[in-house]
Amino acid sequence: MIELRVAISPTPSFCNQVVLQAASLRRFHPDAIVRVYIGHSCPMSRDHELVEHAFQGERIEYEWVAGKEFDRWAGNRAPYLGQINKRWSVPVRGHHIVIADADVLFTGTLDDLLCRDAVQGVQAHVPPLSDDDFRRLFRICDTPVPPFETPYTGAGFMAPPGSKGCHYPNSGMVVIPKDCFLAMIPHYHMAINQMRQAMTDHYWFDQLALAIAIAKAGVPYISLPLRYNFPNQREFEELYPEELRQIRALHYLREDQISRKSDFASTAALRRFLGRDLTGETNEILRRAISANMGILEPAPLDRAEDAPWA
């Protein structure tokens, strides 16, 4: 059984993204557990009502991250680290944990990943640190420095051609067996605490902590092809045409044509999005994926006219 873990803020857009994401995963894995960590300094009754209404009947579990646990990350470029870090906690119920961003939709099965006893993720597009700074960070965390032999997926247009680094997966979609996840939890939090003392910019903390936890725990790791975390960006479509044809997880992080805030704010906004002209194959794949799962947000059709509330 898959356990999907997502971190969000309590907004209509985020809630709708998660409902669509859960539906997209359950098209291929009907028994998937979906657990959401919601961050807010002091959630009001309207925040609770919003979340309860959005997730009602959707088999989506959720937990609030508030107060000091949330506020300790305020005032930096990553104020949502409270709920992101909370994903790395027990109890664990799935045999595989899927750590994902809310802006990921599943367009195919993950079955071929669930038979492997290894952490699996797509290498990040570009490194946020130089190789020397990466090595320094591993030493600060008392972690063996892994080999720098995994190509960055953005090499050639976001990074110099041939750029390689240590295993540094994009944390937008990572699949982790339960035993590996449990082994990594303490090392993830150790890395977060060590980086907080050593670094002033917190933006990449969760992705860096993931790489450190993999190395520190000594768990096996497989670098996945881009189809498992494909961004909606033209350069990737051109550089990875074979992966484009086999997308399993689409990461709609680019907002040149799509707004993750306004386009997901309501079912009416989503319907308008579905009717818009878009360019790029990945944006069309996103349109089809949303359309295929929109029923989860729409009221069920009435079988008889007399069932209508105005009849």
C-alpha atoms as a PDB file:
ATOM      1  CA  MET A   1       0.000   0.000   0.000  1.00  0.00           C
ATOM      2  CA  ILE A   2       1.281   3.454  -0.933  1.00  0.00           C
ATOM      3  CA  GLU A   3       1.206   6.281   1.609  1.00  0.00           C
ATOM      4  CA  LEU A   4       1.315   9.685  -0.068  1.00  0.00           C
ATOM      5  CA  ARG A   5       2.520  12.566   2.125  1.00  0.00           C
ATOM      6  CA  VAL A   6       1.972  16.174   1.074  1.00  0.00           C
ATOM      7  CA  ALA A   7       2.560  19.530   2.805  1.00  0.00           C
ATOM      8  CA  ILE A   8       0.311  22.530   2.101  1.00  0.00           C
ATOM      9  CA  SER A   9      -1.075  25.806   3.441  1.00  0.00           C
ATOM     10  CA  PRO A  10      -4.837  26.091   4.098  1.00  0.00           C
ATOM     11  CA  THR A  11      -6.001  27.752   0.881  1.00  0.00           C
ATOM     12  CA  PRO A  12      -8.675  26.674  -1.625  1.00  0.00           C
ATOM     13  CA  SER A  13      -6.028  26.294  -4.336  1.00  0.00           C
ATOM     14  CA  PHE A  14      -3.859  23.946  -2.301  1.00  0.00           C
ATOM     15  CA  CYS A  15      -6.861  21.908  -1.147  1.00  0.00           C
ATOM     16  CA  ASN A  16      -8.102  21.479  -4.722  1.00  0.00           C
ATOM     17  CA  GLN A  17      -4.615  20.507  -5.868  1.00  0.00           C
ATOM     18  CA  VAL A  18      -4.445  17.788  -3.224  1.00  0.00           C
ATOM     19  CA  VAL A  19      -7.928  16.451  -4.008  1.00  0.00           C
ATOM     20  CA  LEU A  20      -6.994  16.173  -7.696  1.00  0.00           C
ATOM     21  CA  GLN A  21      -3.627  14.660  -6.810  1.00  0.00           C
ATOM     22  CA  ALA A  22      -5.209  12.027  -4.569  1.00  0.00           C
ATOM     23  CA  ALA A  23      -7.719  11.154  -7.284  1.00  0.00           C
ATOM     24  CA  SER A  24      -4.960  10.884  -9.902  1.00  0.00           C
ATOM     25  CA  LEU A  25      -2.952   8.488  -7.725  1.00  0.00           C
ATOM     26  CA  ARG A  26      -5.991   6.368  -6.863  1.00  0.00           C
ATOM     27  CA  ARG A  27      -6.797   5.860 -10.533  1.00  0.00           C
ATOM     28  CA  PHE A  28      -3.789   3.520 -10.518  1.00  0.00           C
ATOM     29  CA  HIS A  29      -3.509   2.642  -6.817  1.00  0.00           C
ATOM     30  CA  PRO A  30      -7.069   2.648  -5.371  1.00  0.00           C
ATOM     31  CA  ASP A  31      -6.039   1.774  -1.818  1.00  0.00           C
ATOM     32  CA  ALA A  32      -3.428   4.558  -1.495  1.00  0.00           C
ATOM     33  CA  ILE A  33      -3.336   6.383   1.838  1.00  0.00           C
ATOM     34  CA  VAL A  34      -3.200  10.164   1.449  1.00  0.00           C
ATOM     35  CA  ARG A  35      -1.932  12.187   4.385  1.00  0.00           C
ATOM     36  CA  VAL A  36      -1.676  15.981   4.307  1.00  0.00           C
ATOM     37  CA  TYR A  37       0.303  18.216   6.673  1.00  0.00           C
ATOM     38  CA  ILE A  38      -1.183  21.714   6.849  1.00  0.00           C
ATOM     39  CA  GLY A  39       0.869  24.614   8.163  1.00  0.00           C
ATOM     40  CA  HIS A  40      -0.455  27.808   9.722  1.00  0.00           C
ATOM     41  CA  SER A  41       0.690  29.933  12.624  1.00  0.00           C
ATOM     42  CA  CYS A  42      -2.726  30.013  14.273  1.00  0.00           C
ATOM     43  CA  PRO A  43      -5.475  28.393  12.210  1.00  0.00           C
ATOM     44  CA  MET A  44      -8.873  30.011  12.653  1.00  0.00           C
ATOM     45  CA  SER A  45     -12.263  28.338  12.484  1.00  0.00           C
ATOM     46  CA  ARG A  46     -12.578  29.344   8.815  1.00  0.00           C
ATOM     47  CA  ASP A  47      -9.324  27.508   8.044  1.00  0.00           C
ATOM     48  CA  HIS A  48     -10.594  24.346   9.706  1.00  0.00           C
ATOM     49  CA  GLU A  49     -13.915  24.642   7.886  1.00  0.00           C
ATOM     50  CA  LEU A  50     -12.176  25.107   4.543  1.00  0.00           C
ATOM     51  CA  VAL A  51     -10.069  21.981   4.986  1.00  0.00           C
ATOM     52  CA  GLU A  52     -12.912  19.882   6.383  1.00  0.00           C
ATOM     53  CA  HIS A  53     -15.186  20.841   3.504  1.00  0.00           C
ATOM     54  CA  ALA A  54     -12.518  20.265   0.844  1.00  0.00           C
ATOM     55  CA  PHE A  55     -11.464  16.835   2.093  1.00  0.00           C
ATOM     56  CA  GLN A  56     -14.849  15.558   3.243  1.00  0.00           C
ATOM     57  CA  GLY A  57     -15.543  12.159   1.736  1.00  0.00           C
ATOM     58  CA  GLU A  58     -12.214  12.028  -0.109  1.00  0.00           C
ATOM     59  CA  ARG A  59     -10.363   9.617   2.227  1.00  0.00           C
ATOM     60  CA  ILE A  60      -7.743  12.268   2.870  1.00  0.00           C
ATOM     61  CA  GLU A  61      -6.201  12.347   6.333  1.00  0.00           C
ATOM     62  CA  TYR A  62      -4.681  15.568   7.593  1.00  0.00           C
ATOM     63  CA  GLU A  63      -2.735  17.014  10.479  1.00  0.00           C
ATOM     64  CA  TRP A  64      -2.200  20.647  11.459  1.00  0.00           C
ATOM     65  CA  VAL A  65       1.278  22.036  12.066  1.00  0.00           C
ATOM     66  CA  ALA A  66       0.838  25.249  14.045  1.00  0.00           C
ATOM     67  CA  GLY A  67       2.217  27.381  16.862  1.00  0.00           C
ATOM     68  CA  LYS A  68       5.929  27.155  17.605  1.00  0.00           C
ATOM     69  CA  GLU A  69       6.414  24.201  15.264  1.00  0.00           C
ATOM     70  CA  PHE A  70       5.263  26.381  12.364  1.00  0.00           C
ATOM     71  CA  ASP A  71       6.510  29.783  13.560  1.00  0.00           C
ATOM     72  CA  ARG A  72      10.149  28.739  13.945  1.00  0.00           C
ATOM     73  CA  TRP A  73      10.482  28.988  10.147  1.00  0.00           C
ATOM     74  CA  ALA A  74       8.791  32.363   9.739  1.00  0.00           C
ATOM     75  CA  GLY A  75      10.671  35.230   8.118  1.00  0.00           C
ATOM     76  CA  ASN A  76      12.734  33.248   5.606  1.00  0.00           C
ATOM     77  CA  ARG A  77      12.312  31.997   2.034  1.00  0.00           C
ATOM     78  CA  ALA A  78      10.901  28.684   3.240  1.00  0.00           C
ATOM     79  CA  PRO A  79       8.203  29.518   5.830  1.00  0.00           C
ATOM     80  CA  TYR A  80       6.457  26.226   5.039  1.00  0.00           C
ATOM     81  CA  LEU A  81       9.298  24.033   6.351  1.00  0.00           C
ATOM     82  CA  GLY A  82       7.282  23.236   9.479  1.00  0.00           C
ATOM     83  CA  GLN A  83       4.734  21.167   7.584  1.00  0.00           C
ATOM     84  CA  ILE A  84       7.310  19.863   5.100  1.00  0.00           C
ATOM     85  CA  ASN A  85       9.476  18.501   7.918  1.00  0.00           C
ATOM     86  CA  LYS A  86       6.450  16.981   9.634  1.00  0.00           C
ATOM     87  CA  ARG A  87       6.113  14.560   6.726  1.00  0.00           C
ATOM     88  CA  TRP A  88       9.212  12.875   8.136  1.00  0.00           C
ATOM     89  CA  SER A  89       7.520  11.391  11.181  1.00  0.00           C
ATOM     90  CA  VAL A  90       5.914   8.228  12.523  1.00  0.00           C
ATOM     91  CA  PRO A  91       3.667   6.272  12.490  1.00  0.00           C
ATOM     92  CA  VAL A  92       4.172   4.907   9.003  1.00  0.00           C
ATOM     93  CA  ARG A  93       1.391   2.779   7.505  1.00  0.00           C
ATOM     94  CA  GLY A  94       2.296   2.328   3.858  1.00  0.00           C
ATOM     95  CA  HIS A  95       4.837  -0.169   2.585  1.00  0.00           C
ATOM     96  CA  HIS A  96       6.110   2.663   0.368  1.00  0.00           C
ATOM     97  CA  ILE A  97       6.055   6.354   1.246  1.00  0.00           C
ATOM     98  CA  VAL A  98       5.605   8.822  -1.592  1.00  0.00           C
ATOM     99  CA  ILE A  99       6.865  12.281  -0.660  1.00  0.00           C
ATOM    100  CA  ALA A 100       5.369  14.716  -3.151  1.00  0.00           C
ATOM    101  CA  ASP A 101       4.661  18.375  -3.768  1.00  0.00           C
ATOM    102  CA  ALA A 102       1.017  19.330  -4.140  1.00  0.00           C
ATOM    103  CA  ASP A 103       1.629  20.373  -7.762  1.00  0.00           C
ATOM    104  CA  VAL A 104       2.247  16.808  -8.949  1.00  0.00           C
ATOM    105  CA  LEU A 105      -0.385  14.792 -10.818  1.00  0.00           C
ATOM    106  CA  PHE A 106       0.001  11.077 -11.495  1.00  0.00           C
ATOM    107  CA  THR A 107      -0.589   9.955 -15.063  1.00  0.00           C
ATOM    108  CA  GLY A 108       0.494   6.315 -14.809  1.00  0.00           C
ATOM    109  CA  THR A 109       1.133   3.457 -12.438  1.00  0.00           C
ATOM    110  CA  LEU A 110       4.063   3.334 -10.012  1.00  0.00           C
ATOM    111  CA  ASP A 111       4.017  -0.482  -9.872  1.00  0.00           C
ATOM    112  CA  ASP A 112       7.499  -0.881 -11.306  1.00  0.00           C
ATOM    113  CA  LEU A 113       8.902   1.216  -8.424  1.00  0.00           C
ATOM    114  CA  LEU A 114       7.133  -0.714  -5.666  1.00  0.00           C
ATOM    115  CA  CYS A 115       9.071  -3.928  -6.222  1.00  0.00           C
ATOM    116  CA  ARG A 116      12.416  -2.265  -5.467  1.00  0.00           C
ATOM    117  CA  ASP A 117      13.936  -2.005  -2.014  1.00  0.00           C
ATOM    118  CA  ALA A 118      15.580   1.369  -2.613  1.00  0.00           C
ATOM    119  CA  VAL A 119      14.903   5.088  -2.343  1.00  0.00           C
ATOM    120  CA  GLN A 120      13.938   6.318  -5.808  1.00  0.00           C
ATOM    121  CA  GLY A 121      13.815   9.852  -7.166  1.00  0.00           C
ATOM    122  CA  VAL A 122      14.638  11.952 -10.205  1.00  0.00           C
ATOM    123  CA  GLN A 123      17.866  13.929  -9.974  1.00  0.00           C
ATOM    124  CA  ALA A 124      17.296  17.670  -9.450  1.00  0.00           C
ATOM    125  CA  HIS A 125      17.520  20.020 -12.418  1.00  0.00           C
ATOM    126  CA  VAL A 126      20.413  22.060 -11.029  1.00  0.00           C
ATOM    127  CA  PRO A 127      22.486  22.133  -7.830  1.00  0.00           C
ATOM    128  CA  PRO A 128      21.888  24.939  -5.310  1.00  0.00           C
ATOM    129  CA  LEU A 129      25.462  24.593  -4.042  1.00  0.00           C
ATOM    130  CA  SER A 130      28.882  24.208  -5.581  1.00  0.00           C
ATOM    131  CA  ASP A 131      30.530  20.790  -5.339  1.00  0.00           C
ATOM    132  CA  ASP A 132      32.846  22.130  -2.634  1.00  0.00           C
ATOM    133  CA  ASP A 133      29.898  23.488  -0.624  1.00  0.00           C
ATOM    134  CA  PHE A 134      28.100  20.150  -0.993  1.00  0.00           C
ATOM    135  CA  ARG A 135      31.155  18.362   0.391  1.00  0.00           C
ATOM    136  CA  ARG A 136      31.399  20.881   3.224  1.00  0.00           C
ATOM    137  CA  LEU A 137      27.735  20.311   4.089  1.00  0.00           C
ATOM    138  CA  PHE A 138      28.173  16.533   4.182  1.00  0.00           C
ATOM    139  CA  ARG A 139      31.165  16.966   6.502  1.00  0.00           C
ATOM    140  CA  ILE A 140      29.187  19.341   8.774  1.00  0.00           C
ATOM    141  CA  CYS A 141      26.542  16.610   9.041  1.00  0.00           C
ATOM    142  CA  ASP A 142      29.227  13.969   9.718  1.00  0.00           C
ATOM    143  CA  THR A 143      28.088  12.109   6.613  1.00  0.00           C
ATOM    144  CA  PRO A 144      30.244  10.220   4.090  1.00  0.00           C
ATOM    145  CA  VAL A 145      30.586  12.271   0.927  1.00  0.00           C
ATOM    146  CA  PRO A 146      28.990  10.270  -1.917  1.00  0.00           C
ATOM    147  CA  PRO A 147      30.429  10.188  -5.438  1.00  0.00           C
ATOM    148  CA  PHE A 148      29.485  13.046  -7.759  1.00  0.00           C
ATOM    149  CA  GLU A 149      28.407  10.949 -10.736  1.00  0.00           C
ATOM    150  CA  THR A 150      24.656  11.522 -11.248  1.00  0.00           C
ATOM    151  CA  PRO A 151      23.808  13.870 -14.166  1.00  0.00           C
ATOM    152  CA  TYR A 152      21.583  16.843 -13.343  1.00  0.00           C
ATOM    153  CA  THR A 153      18.399  16.716 -15.407  1.00  0.00           C
ATOM    154  CA  GLY A 154      18.732  20.381 -16.379  1.00  0.00           C
ATOM    155  CA  ALA A 155      22.295  19.984 -17.655  1.00  0.00           C
ATOM    156  CA  GLY A 156      22.750  21.730 -20.962  1.00  0.00           C
ATOM    157  CA  PHE A 157      20.243  24.540 -20.460  1.00  0.00           C
ATOM    158  CA  MET A 158      19.889  25.154 -16.713  1.00  0.00           C
ATOM    159  CA  ALA A 159      23.387  23.959 -15.811  1.00  0.00           C
ATOM    160  CA  PRO A 160      26.569  23.480 -17.874  1.00  0.00           C
ATOM    161  CA  PRO A 161      26.496  20.477 -20.253  1.00  0.00           C
ATOM    162  CA  GLY A 162      27.579  17.275 -18.566  1.00  0.00           C
ATOM    163  CA  SER A 163      26.994  18.612 -15.028  1.00  0.00           C
ATOM    164  CA  LYS A 164      26.918  15.842 -12.431  1.00  0.00           C
ATOM    165  CA  GLY A 165      26.476  15.733  -8.677  1.00  0.00           C
ATOM    166  CA  CYS A 166      25.869  13.442  -5.761  1.00  0.00           C
ATOM    167  CA  HIS A 167      22.489  11.746  -5.436  1.00  0.00           C
ATOM    168  CA  TYR A 168      20.373  14.869  -5.031  1.00  0.00           C
ATOM    169  CA  PRO A 169      16.770  13.987  -5.933  1.00  0.00           C
ATOM    170  CA  ASN A 170      14.097  16.567  -6.565  1.00  0.00           C
ATOM    171  CA  SER A 171      11.925  16.253  -3.469  1.00  0.00           C
ATOM    172  CA  GLY A 172       8.811  16.955  -5.532  1.00  0.00           C
ATOM    173  CA  MET A 173       8.272  13.194  -6.012  1.00  0.00           C
ATOM    174  CA  VAL A 174      10.277  10.528  -4.223  1.00  0.00           C
ATOM    175  CA  VAL A 175       9.320   6.912  -3.510  1.00  0.00           C
ATOM    176  CA  ILE A 176      10.775   5.401  -0.327  1.00  0.00           C
ATOM    177  CA  PRO A 177      10.282   1.867   1.075  1.00  0.00           C
ATOM    178  CA  LYS A 178       9.054   1.857   4.670  1.00  0.00           C
ATOM    179  CA  ASP A 179      12.259   0.415   6.170  1.00  0.00           C
ATOM    180  CA  CYS A 180      14.400   2.984   4.368  1.00  0.00           C
ATOM    181  CA  PHE A 181      12.065   5.796   5.395  1.00  0.00           C
ATOM    182  CA  LEU A 182      12.240   4.816   9.070  1.00  0.00           C
ATOM    183  CA  ALA A 183      16.037   4.637   8.873  1.00  0.00           C
ATOM    184  CA  MET A 184      16.208   8.085   7.250  1.00  0.00           C
ATOM    185  CA  ILE A 185      13.884   9.997   9.613  1.00  0.00           C
ATOM    186  CA  PRO A 186      16.434  10.854  12.345  1.00  0.00           C
ATOM    187  CA  HIS A 187      19.100  11.761   9.798  1.00  0.00           C
ATOM    188  CA  TYR A 188      16.710  14.047   7.918  1.00  0.00           C
ATOM    189  CA  HIS A 189      15.949  16.020  11.079  1.00  0.00           C
ATOM    190  CA  MET A 190      19.619  16.052  12.098  1.00  0.00           C
ATOM    191  CA  ALA A 191      20.477  17.577   8.731  1.00  0.00           C
ATOM    192  CA  ILE A 192      17.738  20.218   9.086  1.00  0.00           C
ATOM    193  CA  ASN A 193      19.078  21.230  12.499  1.00  0.00           C
ATOM    194  CA  GLN A 194      22.705  21.293  11.351  1.00  0.00           C
ATOM    195  CA  MET A 195      21.886  23.376   8.281  1.00  0.00           C
ATOM    196  CA  ARG A 196      19.911  25.833  10.384  1.00  0.00           C
ATOM    197  CA  GLN A 197      23.057  26.554  12.377  1.00  0.00           C
ATOM    198  CA  ALA A 198      25.348  26.740   9.345  1.00  0.00           C
ATOM    199  CA  MET A 199      23.270  28.340   6.551  1.00  0.00           C
ATOM    200  CA  THR A 200      21.246  31.537   6.304  1.00  0.00           C
ATOM    201  CA  ASP A 201      19.114  30.628   3.243  1.00  0.00           C
ATOM    202  CA  HIS A 202      16.617  27.888   4.160  1.00  0.00           C
ATOM    203  CA  TYR A 203      14.964  27.521   0.762  1.00  0.00           C
ATOM    204  CA  TRP A 204      16.526  24.193  -0.250  1.00  0.00           C
ATOM    205  CA  PHE A 205      16.671  22.642   3.214  1.00  0.00           C
ATOM    206  CA  ASP A 206      14.215  19.773   2.637  1.00  0.00           C
ATOM    207  CA  GLN A 207      15.865  18.707  -0.628  1.00  0.00           C
ATOM    208  CA  LEU A 208      19.359  18.947   0.837  1.00  0.00           C
ATOM    209  CA  ALA A 209      18.258  17.080   3.976  1.00  0.00           C
ATOM    210  CA  LEU A 210      16.835  14.319   1.779  1.00  0.00           C
ATOM    211  CA  ALA A 211      20.206  13.857   0.052  1.00  0.00           C
ATOM    212  CA  ILE A 212      22.031  13.830   3.387  1.00  0.00           C
ATOM    213  CA  ALA A 213      19.569  11.367   4.930  1.00  0.00           C
ATOM    214  CA  ILE A 214      20.071   8.958   2.012  1.00  0.00           C
ATOM    215  CA  ALA A 215      23.853   9.033   2.436  1.00  0.00           C
ATOM    216  CA  LYS A 216      23.867   9.057   6.250  1.00  0.00           C
ATOM    217  CA  ALA A 217      21.428   6.139   6.575  1.00  0.00           C
ATOM    218  CA  GLY A 218      23.353   4.178   3.950  1.00  0.00           C
ATOM    219  CA  VAL A 219      20.153   3.093   2.217  1.00  0.00           C
ATOM    220  CA  PRO A 220      20.200   1.959  -1.415  1.00  0.00           C
ATOM    221  CA  TYR A 221      19.247   4.615  -3.934  1.00  0.00           C
ATOM    222  CA  ILE A 222      18.149   4.529  -7.582  1.00  0.00           C
ATOM    223  CA  SER A 223      18.111   7.606  -9.797  1.00  0.00           C
ATOM    224  CA  LEU A 224      14.883   7.519 -11.811  1.00  0.00           C
ATOM    225  CA  PRO A 225      14.280   8.631 -15.396  1.00  0.00           C
ATOM    226  CA  LEU A 226      12.556  11.976 -15.824  1.00  0.00           C
ATOM    227  CA  ARG A 227       9.143  10.412 -16.553  1.00  0.00           C
ATOM    228  CA  TYR A 228       8.622  10.064 -12.802  1.00  0.00           C
ATOM    229  CA  ASN A 229       8.892  13.814 -12.137  1.00  0.00           C
ATOM    230  CA  PHE A 230       8.542  15.614 -15.460  1.00  0.00           C
ATOM    231  CA  PRO A 231       8.266  19.429 -15.325  1.00  0.00           C
ATOM    232  CA  ASN A 232       5.981  21.429 -17.608  1.00  0.00           C
ATOM    233  CA  GLN A 233       8.839  23.193 -19.354  1.00  0.00           C
ATOM    234  CA  ARG A 234       9.587  23.339 -23.069  1.00  0.00           C
ATOM    235  CA  GLU A 235      13.326  22.655 -22.756  1.00  0.00           C
ATOM    236  CA  PHE A 236      12.653  19.346 -20.995  1.00  0.00           C
ATOM    237  CA  GLU A 237      10.174  18.350 -23.695  1.00  0.00           C
ATOM    238  CA  GLU A 238      12.821  18.976 -26.348  1.00  0.00           C
ATOM    239  CA  LEU A 239      15.698  17.305 -24.494  1.00  0.00           C
ATOM    240  CA  TYR A 240      13.772  14.273 -23.206  1.00  0.00           C
ATOM    241  CA  PRO A 241      11.232  13.320 -25.935  1.00  0.00           C
ATOM    242  CA  GLU A 242      11.213   9.635 -24.977  1.00  0.00           C
ATOM    243  CA  GLU A 243      10.510  10.446 -21.340  1.00  0.00           C
ATOM    244  CA  LEU A 244       7.798  12.883 -22.409  1.00  0.00           C
ATOM    245  CA  ARG A 245       5.964  10.014 -24.102  1.00  0.00           C
ATOM    246  CA  GLN A 246       6.012   7.960 -20.896  1.00  0.00           C
ATOM    247  CA  ILE A 247       5.206  10.483 -18.151  1.00  0.00           C
ATOM    248  CA  ARG A 248       4.030   8.884 -14.913  1.00  0.00           C
ATOM    249  CA  ALA A 249       4.169  11.965 -12.667  1.00  0.00           C
ATOM    250  CA  LEU A 250       3.775  15.479 -14.050  1.00  0.00           C
ATOM    251  CA  HIS A 251       5.182  18.326 -11.954  1.00  0.00           C
ATOM    252  CA  TYR A 252       3.443  21.531 -13.045  1.00  0.00           C
ATOM    253  CA  LEU A 253       5.830  23.891 -11.283  1.00  0.00           C
ATOM    254  CA  ARG A 254       6.283  26.375 -14.159  1.00  0.00           C
ATOM    255  CA  GLU A 255       3.716  29.188 -14.148  1.00  0.00           C
ATOM    256  CA  ASP A 256       4.292  30.934 -17.469  1.00  0.00           C
ATOM    257  CA  GLN A 257       0.861  29.664 -18.632  1.00  0.00           C
ATOM    258  CA  ILE A 258      -0.600  28.199 -15.456  1.00  0.00           C
ATOM    259  CA  SER A 259      -1.253  29.740 -12.068  1.00  0.00           C
ATOM    260  CA  ARG A 260      -1.229  27.233  -9.253  1.00  0.00           C
ATOM    261  CA  LYS A 261      -3.080  29.821  -7.186  1.00  0.00           C
ATOM    262  CA  SER A 262      -5.789  31.326  -9.388  1.00  0.00           C
ATOM    263  CA  ASP A 263      -6.344  28.391 -11.782  1.00  0.00           C
ATOM    264  CA  PHE A 264      -6.959  26.000  -8.875  1.00  0.00           C
ATOM    265  CA  ALA A 265      -8.936  28.373  -6.654  1.00  0.00           C
ATOM    266  CA  SER A 266     -12.332  26.852  -7.512  1.00  0.00           C
ATOM    267  CA  THR A 267     -14.032  24.386  -9.817  1.00  0.00           C
ATOM    268  CA  ALA A 268     -15.133  27.339 -11.961  1.00  0.00           C
ATOM    269  CA  ALA A 269     -11.491  28.453 -12.311  1.00  0.00           C
ATOM    270  CA  LEU A 270     -10.444  24.926 -13.228  1.00  0.00           C
ATOM    271  CA  ARG A 271     -13.168  24.714 -15.876  1.00  0.00           C
ATOM    272  CA  ARG A 272     -11.932  28.001 -17.356  1.00  0.00           C
ATOM    273  CA  PHE A 273      -8.403  26.602 -17.379  1.00  0.00           C
ATOM    274  CA  LEU A 274      -9.572  23.493 -19.238  1.00  0.00           C
ATOM    275  CA  GLY A 275     -11.017  25.729 -21.955  1.00  0.00           C
ATOM    276  CA  ARG A 276      -7.916  27.877 -22.461  1.00  0.00           C
ATOM    277  CA  ASP A 277      -5.434  27.670 -25.304  1.00  0.00           C
ATOM    278  CA  LEU A 278      -2.109  26.307 -24.060  1.00  0.00           C
ATOM    279  CA  THR A 279       1.239  25.659 -25.693  1.00  0.00           C
ATOM    280  CA  GLY A 280       3.571  22.794 -24.854  1.00  0.00           C
ATOM    281  CA  GLU A 281       2.890  19.078 -24.668  1.00  0.00           C
ATOM    282  CA  THR A 282       3.240  18.883 -20.905  1.00  0.00           C
ATOM    283  CA  ASN A 283       0.628  21.588 -20.396  1.00  0.00           C
ATOM    284  CA  GLU A 284      -1.743  19.609 -22.619  1.00  0.00           C
ATOM    285  CA  ILE A 285      -0.991  16.483 -20.578  1.00  0.00           C
ATOM    286  CA  LEU A 286      -1.823  18.504 -17.471  1.00  0.00           C
ATOM    287  CA  ARG A 287      -5.107  19.613 -19.026  1.00  0.00           C
ATOM    288  CA  ARG A 288      -6.044  15.996 -19.785  1.00  0.00           C
ATOM    289  CA  ALA A 289      -5.029  14.832 -16.310  1.00  0.00           C
ATOM    290  CA  ILE A 290      -7.147  17.510 -14.631  1.00  0.00           C
ATOM    291  CA  SER A 291     -10.081  16.753 -16.926  1.00  0.00           C
ATOM    292  CA  ALA A 292      -9.840  13.030 -16.139  1.00  0.00           C
ATOM    293  CA  ASN A 293      -9.994  13.715 -12.403  1.00  0.00           C
ATOM    294  CA  MET A 294     -12.338  16.724 -12.301  1.00  0.00           C
ATOM    295  CA  GLY A 295     -15.267  14.497 -11.361  1.00  0.00           C
ATOM    296  CA  ILE A 296     -13.913  14.356  -7.826  1.00  0.00           C
ATOM    297  CA  LEU A 297     -14.618  18.095  -7.459  1.00  0.00           C
ATOM    298  CA  GLU A 298     -17.908  18.173  -9.354  1.00  0.00           C
ATOM    299  CA  PRO A 299     -21.297  17.173  -7.904  1.00  0.00           C
ATOM    300  CA  ALA A 300     -22.589  13.815  -9.031  1.00  0.00           C
ATOM    301  CA  PRO A 301     -25.020  14.030 -11.969  1.00  0.00           C
ATOM    302  CA  LEU A 302     -28.687  13.648 -11.158  1.00  0.00           C
ATOM    303  CA  ASP A 303     -30.374  10.542 -12.523  1.00  0.00           C
ATOM    304  CA  ARG A 304     -33.893  11.989 -12.546  1.00  0.00           C
ATOM    305  CA  ALA A 305     -35.236  15.489 -13.028  1.00  0.00           C
ATOM    306  CA  GLU A 306     -37.345  15.239  -9.911  1.00  0.00           C
ATOM    307  CA  ASP A 307     -34.137  14.810  -7.869  1.00  0.00           C
ATOM    308  CA  ALA A 308     -33.131  18.387  -8.710  1.00  0.00           C
ATOM    309  CA  PRO A 309     -33.396  20.739  -5.685  1.00  0.00           C
ATOM    310  CA  TRP A 310     -35.403  23.213  -7.782  1.00  0.00           C
ATOM    311  CA  ALA A 311     -37.846  20.615  -9.126  1.00  0.00           C
END
